[in-house]
PDB file of all heavy atoms in Angstrom:
ATOM      1  N   ARG A   1      -4.630   5.692  20.860  1.00  0.00           N
ATOM      2  CA  ARG A   1      -4.725   5.358  19.438  1.00  0.00           C
ATOM      3  C   ARG A   1      -3.268   5.490  18.813  1.00  0.00           C
ATOM      4  O   ARG A   1      -2.447   6.162  19.394  1.00  0.00           O
ATOM      5  CB  ARG A   1      -5.613   6.350  18.678  1.00  0.00           C
ATOM      6  CG  ARG A   1      -5.273   7.806  18.782  1.00  0.00           C
ATOM      7  CD  ARG A   1      -6.266   8.666  18.065  1.00  0.00           C
ATOM      8  NE  ARG A   1      -5.816  10.061  18.006  1.00  0.00           N
ATOM      9  CZ  ARG A   1      -5.884  10.937  18.975  1.00  0.00           C
ATOM     10  NH1 ARG A   1      -6.408  10.526  20.130  1.00  0.00           N
ATOM     11  NH2 ARG A   1      -5.471  12.183  18.853  1.00  0.00           N
ATOM     12  N   PRO A   2      -3.006   4.815  17.703  1.00  0.00           N
ATOM     13  CA  PRO A   2      -1.723   4.879  17.149  1.00  0.00           C
ATOM     14  C   PRO A   2      -1.235   6.299  16.909  1.00  0.00           C
ATOM     15  O   PRO A   2      -2.005   7.107  16.283  1.00  0.00           O
ATOM     16  CB  PRO A   2      -1.843   4.070  15.795  1.00  0.00           C
ATOM     17  CG  PRO A   2      -2.996   3.171  16.046  1.00  0.00           C
ATOM     18  CD  PRO A   2      -3.936   3.947  16.936  1.00  0.00           C
ATOM     19  N   GLY A   3      -0.101   6.704  17.371  1.00  0.00           N
ATOM     20  CA  GLY A   3       0.440   7.947  17.143  1.00  0.00           C
ATOM     21  C   GLY A   3      -0.015   9.057  18.202  1.00  0.00           C
ATOM     22  O   GLY A   3       0.346  10.169  18.135  1.00  0.00           O
ATOM     23  N   ALA A   4      -0.887   8.558  19.121  1.00  0.00           N
ATOM     24  CA  ALA A   4      -1.386   9.576  20.097  1.00  0.00           C
ATOM     25  C   ALA A   4      -0.253   9.859  21.103  1.00  0.00           C
ATOM     26  O   ALA A   4       0.407   8.932  21.589  1.00  0.00           O
ATOM     27  CB  ALA A   4      -2.609   8.972  20.851  1.00  0.00           C
ATOM     28  N   GLY A   5      -0.114  11.088  21.451  1.00  0.00           N
ATOM     29  CA  GLY A   5       0.879  11.493  22.382  1.00  0.00           C
ATOM     30  C   GLY A   5       0.243  12.163  23.577  1.00  0.00           C
ATOM     31  O   GLY A   5      -0.972  12.173  23.736  1.00  0.00           O
ATOM     32  N   PRO A   6       1.019  12.810  24.379  1.00  0.00           N
ATOM     33  CA  PRO A   6       0.515  13.457  25.516  1.00  0.00           C
ATOM     34  C   PRO A   6      -0.297  14.702  25.102  1.00  0.00           C
ATOM     35  O   PRO A   6      -0.232  15.161  23.952  1.00  0.00           O
ATOM     36  CB  PRO A   6       1.739  13.866  26.348  1.00  0.00           C
ATOM     37  CG  PRO A   6       2.819  13.940  25.303  1.00  0.00           C
ATOM     38  CD  PRO A   6       2.524  12.884  24.374  1.00  0.00           C
ATOM     39  N   SER A   7      -1.163  15.108  26.049  1.00  0.00           N
ATOM     40  CA  SER A   7      -2.023  16.271  25.717  1.00  0.00           C
ATOM     41  C   SER A   7      -1.174  17.529  25.398  1.00  0.00           C
ATOM     42  O   SER A   7      -0.033  17.700  25.967  1.00  0.00           O
ATOM     43  CB  SER A   7      -2.912  16.564  26.887  1.00  0.00           C
ATOM     44  OG  SER A   7      -2.156  16.896  28.026  1.00  0.00           O
ATOM     45  N   ARG A   8      -1.666  18.373  24.562  1.00  0.00           N
ATOM     46  CA  ARG A   8      -0.931  19.554  24.133  1.00  0.00           C
ATOM     47  C   ARG A   8      -1.175  20.715  25.123  1.00  0.00           C
ATOM     48  O   ARG A   8      -2.336  20.983  25.458  1.00  0.00           O
ATOM     49  CB  ARG A   8      -1.293  19.990  22.684  1.00  0.00           C
ATOM     50  CG  ARG A   8      -0.917  18.944  21.661  1.00  0.00           C
ATOM     51  CD  ARG A   8      -1.681  19.142  20.413  1.00  0.00           C
ATOM     52  NE  ARG A   8      -1.405  20.483  19.775  1.00  0.00           N
ATOM     53  CZ  ARG A   8      -0.462  20.600  18.880  1.00  0.00           C
ATOM     54  NH1 ARG A   8       0.346  19.592  18.527  1.00  0.00           N
ATOM     55  NH2 ARG A   8      -0.229  21.799  18.375  1.00  0.00           N
ATOM     56  N   GLY A   9      -0.105  21.375  25.426  1.00  0.00           N
ATOM     57  CA  GLY A   9      -0.316  22.553  26.334  1.00  0.00           C
ATOM     58  C   GLY A   9      -0.316  23.825  25.530  1.00  0.00           C
ATOM     59  O   GLY A   9      -0.306  23.856  24.337  1.00  0.00           O
ATOM     60  N   ARG A  10      -0.225  24.976  26.217  1.00  0.00           N
ATOM     61  CA  ARG A  10      -0.213  26.253  25.547  1.00  0.00           C
ATOM     62  C   ARG A  10       0.921  26.438  24.595  1.00  0.00           C
ATOM     63  O   ARG A  10       0.841  26.949  23.498  1.00  0.00           O
ATOM     64  CB  ARG A  10      -0.253  27.387  26.576  1.00  0.00           C
ATOM     65  CG  ARG A  10      -1.565  27.508  27.325  1.00  0.00           C
ATOM     66  CD  ARG A  10      -1.570  28.721  28.228  1.00  0.00           C
ATOM     67  NE  ARG A  10      -1.375  29.955  27.425  1.00  0.00           N
ATOM     68  CZ  ARG A  10      -1.240  31.188  27.964  1.00  0.00           C
ATOM     69  NH1 ARG A  10      -1.217  31.309  29.294  1.00  0.00           N
ATOM     70  NH2 ARG A  10      -1.096  32.259  27.178  1.00  0.00           N
ATOM     71  N   GLY A  11       2.127  25.961  25.101  1.00  0.00           N
ATOM     72  CA  GLY A  11       3.302  26.101  24.218  1.00  0.00           C
ATOM     73  C   GLY A  11       3.162  25.347  22.942  1.00  0.00           C
ATOM     74  O   GLY A  11       3.553  25.739  21.836  1.00  0.00           O
ATOM     75  N   ASP A  12       2.515  24.109  23.043  1.00  0.00           N
ATOM     76  CA  ASP A  12       2.364  23.295  21.854  1.00  0.00           C
ATOM     77  C   ASP A  12       1.408  23.968  20.865  1.00  0.00           C
ATOM     78  O   ASP A  12       1.561  23.956  19.713  1.00  0.00           O
ATOM     79  CB  ASP A  12       1.770  21.933  22.230  1.00  0.00           C
ATOM     80  CG  ASP A  12       2.757  21.186  23.078  1.00  0.00           C
ATOM     81  OD1 ASP A  12       3.959  21.221  22.845  1.00  0.00           O
ATOM     82  OD2 ASP A  12       2.296  20.552  24.071  1.00  0.00           O
ATOM     83  N   ARG A  13       0.307  24.561  21.421  1.00  0.00           N
ATOM     84  CA  ARG A  13      -0.638  25.277  20.525  1.00  0.00           C
ATOM     85  C   ARG A  13       0.067  26.468  19.841  1.00  0.00           C
ATOM     86  O   ARG A  13      -0.214  26.760  18.651  1.00  0.00           O
ATOM     87  CB  ARG A  13      -1.821  25.748  21.329  1.00  0.00           C
ATOM     88  CG  ARG A  13      -2.674  24.635  21.806  1.00  0.00           C
ATOM     89  CD  ARG A  13      -4.011  25.109  22.289  1.00  0.00           C
ATOM     90  NE  ARG A  13      -3.974  25.956  23.417  1.00  0.00           N
ATOM     91  CZ  ARG A  13      -3.938  25.553  24.677  1.00  0.00           C
ATOM     92  NH1 ARG A  13      -4.135  24.244  24.895  1.00  0.00           N
ATOM     93  NH2 ARG A  13      -3.892  26.351  25.731  1.00  0.00           N
ATOM     94  N   ARG A  14       0.907  27.205  20.457  1.00  0.00           N
ATOM     95  CA  ARG A  14       1.604  28.345  19.830  1.00  0.00           C
ATOM     96  C   ARG A  14       2.509  27.818  18.734  1.00  0.00           C
ATOM     97  O   ARG A  14       2.548  28.464  17.672  1.00  0.00           O
ATOM     98  CB  ARG A  14       2.421  29.118  20.910  1.00  0.00           C
ATOM     99  CG  ARG A  14       1.643  29.903  21.878  1.00  0.00           C
ATOM    100  CD  ARG A  14       2.520  30.568  22.850  1.00  0.00           C
ATOM    101  NE  ARG A  14       1.746  31.309  23.881  1.00  0.00           N
ATOM    102  CZ  ARG A  14       1.221  32.511  23.706  1.00  0.00           C
ATOM    103  NH1 ARG A  14       1.407  33.160  22.508  1.00  0.00           N
ATOM    104  NH2 ARG A  14       0.543  33.075  24.654  1.00  0.00           N
ATOM    105  N   ASP A  15       3.216  26.724  18.970  1.00  0.00           N
ATOM    106  CA  ASP A  15       4.085  26.222  17.867  1.00  0.00           C
ATOM    107  C   ASP A  15       3.196  25.750  16.717  1.00  0.00           C
ATOM    108  O   ASP A  15       3.628  26.023  15.555  1.00  0.00           O
ATOM    109  CB  ASP A  15       4.898  24.990  18.468  1.00  0.00           C
ATOM    110  CG  ASP A  15       5.852  25.404  19.497  1.00  0.00           C
ATOM    111  OD1 ASP A  15       6.193  26.615  19.509  1.00  0.00           O
ATOM    112  OD2 ASP A  15       6.343  24.564  20.262  1.00  0.00           O
ATOM    113  N   GLY A  16       2.076  25.131  17.008  1.00  0.00           N
ATOM    114  CA  GLY A  16       1.196  24.735  15.855  1.00  0.00           C
ATOM    115  C   GLY A  16       0.687  25.914  15.089  1.00  0.00           C
ATOM    116  O   GLY A  16       0.565  25.913  13.920  1.00  0.00           O
ATOM    117  N   ASP A  17       0.318  27.007  15.816  1.00  0.00           N
ATOM    118  CA  ASP A  17      -0.195  28.161  15.164  1.00  0.00           C
ATOM    119  C   ASP A  17       0.930  28.782  14.206  1.00  0.00           C
ATOM    120  O   ASP A  17       0.615  29.204  13.064  1.00  0.00           O
ATOM    121  CB  ASP A  17      -0.580  29.273  16.156  1.00  0.00           C
ATOM    122  CG  ASP A  17      -1.798  28.891  16.874  1.00  0.00           C
ATOM    123  OD1 ASP A  17      -2.630  28.102  16.292  1.00  0.00           O
ATOM    124  OD2 ASP A  17      -2.046  29.296  18.047  1.00  0.00           O
ATOM    125  N   ARG A  18       2.187  28.797  14.642  1.00  0.00           N
ATOM    126  CA  ARG A  18       3.252  29.341  13.882  1.00  0.00           C
ATOM    127  C   ARG A  18       3.475  28.505  12.611  1.00  0.00           C
ATOM    128  O   ARG A  18       3.664  29.019  11.508  1.00  0.00           O
ATOM    129  CB  ARG A  18       4.522  29.473  14.721  1.00  0.00           C
ATOM    130  CG  ARG A  18       4.596  30.717  15.602  1.00  0.00           C
ATOM    131  CD  ARG A  18       5.999  30.936  16.136  1.00  0.00           C
ATOM    132  NE  ARG A  18       6.250  30.023  17.139  1.00  0.00           N
ATOM    133  CZ  ARG A  18       6.082  30.230  18.466  1.00  0.00           C
ATOM    134  NH1 ARG A  18       5.543  31.381  18.819  1.00  0.00           N
ATOM    135  NH2 ARG A  18       6.328  29.348  19.388  1.00  0.00           N
ATOM    136  N   ARG A  19       3.445  27.148  12.834  1.00  0.00           N
ATOM    137  CA  ARG A  19       3.596  26.263  11.631  1.00  0.00           C
ATOM    138  C   ARG A  19       2.463  26.403  10.624  1.00  0.00           C
ATOM    139  O   ARG A  19       2.697  26.288   9.468  1.00  0.00           O
ATOM    140  CB  ARG A  19       3.762  24.849  12.078  1.00  0.00           C
ATOM    141  CG  ARG A  19       5.107  24.509  12.785  1.00  0.00           C
ATOM    142  CD  ARG A  19       5.283  22.942  12.872  1.00  0.00           C
ATOM    143  NE  ARG A  19       4.213  22.422  13.760  1.00  0.00           N
ATOM    144  CZ  ARG A  19       4.437  22.253  15.084  1.00  0.00           C
ATOM    145  NH1 ARG A  19       5.579  22.655  15.656  1.00  0.00           N
ATOM    146  NH2 ARG A  19       3.513  21.701  15.796  1.00  0.00           N
ATOM    147  N   ALA A  20       1.258  26.655  11.131  1.00  0.00           N
ATOM    148  CA  ALA A  20       0.155  26.809  10.207  1.00  0.00           C
ATOM    149  C   ALA A  20       0.006  28.250   9.595  1.00  0.00           C
ATOM    150  O   ALA A  20      -0.918  28.497   8.902  1.00  0.00           O
ATOM    151  CB  ALA A  20      -1.143  26.489  10.924  1.00  0.00           C
ATOM    152  N   GLY A  21       0.855  29.186  10.049  1.00  0.00           N
ATOM    153  CA  GLY A  21       0.800  30.535   9.489  1.00  0.00           C
ATOM    154  C   GLY A  21      -0.223  31.410  10.227  1.00  0.00           C
ATOM    155  O   GLY A  21      -0.566  32.449   9.688  1.00  0.00           O
ATOM    156  N   ARG A  22      -0.740  30.911  11.290  1.00  0.00           N
ATOM    157  CA  ARG A  22      -1.729  31.705  12.053  1.00  0.00           C
ATOM    158  C   ARG A  22      -1.027  32.538  13.087  1.00  0.00           C
ATOM    159  O   ARG A  22      -0.012  32.100  13.681  1.00  0.00           O
ATOM    160  CB  ARG A  22      -2.777  30.805  12.759  1.00  0.00           C
ATOM    161  CG  ARG A  22      -3.624  30.031  11.828  1.00  0.00           C
ATOM    162  CD  ARG A  22      -4.797  29.309  12.566  1.00  0.00           C
ATOM    163  NE  ARG A  22      -4.224  28.390  13.560  1.00  0.00           N
ATOM    164  CZ  ARG A  22      -4.053  27.060  13.243  1.00  0.00           C
ATOM    165  NH1 ARG A  22      -4.314  26.609  12.008  1.00  0.00           N
ATOM    166  NH2 ARG A  22      -3.583  26.289  14.186  1.00  0.00           N
ATOM    167  N   PRO A  23      -1.446  33.764  13.338  1.00  0.00           N
ATOM    168  CA  PRO A  23      -0.854  34.556  14.416  1.00  0.00           C
ATOM    169  C   PRO A  23      -1.058  33.899  15.766  1.00  0.00           C
ATOM    170  O   PRO A  23      -2.197  33.414  16.035  1.00  0.00           O
ATOM    171  CB  PRO A  23      -1.514  35.941  14.309  1.00  0.00           C
ATOM    172  CG  PRO A  23      -2.824  35.601  13.680  1.00  0.00           C
ATOM    173  CD  PRO A  23      -2.604  34.484  12.696  1.00  0.00           C
ATOM    174  N   PRO A  24      -0.060  33.819  16.589  1.00  0.00           N
ATOM    175  CA  PRO A  24      -0.285  33.226  17.902  1.00  0.00           C
ATOM    176  C   PRO A  24      -1.167  34.067  18.730  1.00  0.00           C
ATOM    177  O   PRO A  24      -1.310  35.299  18.532  1.00  0.00           O
ATOM    178  CB  PRO A  24       1.198  33.155  18.441  1.00  0.00           C
ATOM    179  CG  PRO A  24       1.869  34.271  17.795  1.00  0.00           C
ATOM    180  CD  PRO A  24       1.270  34.366  16.383  1.00  0.00           C
TER     181      PRO A  24
END
């Protein structure tokens, strides 16, 4: 789909948690 990228790994999820203010 437009804007779809490769699947997110554990490192990607940690970065997303930090950006969202959630504890990793």
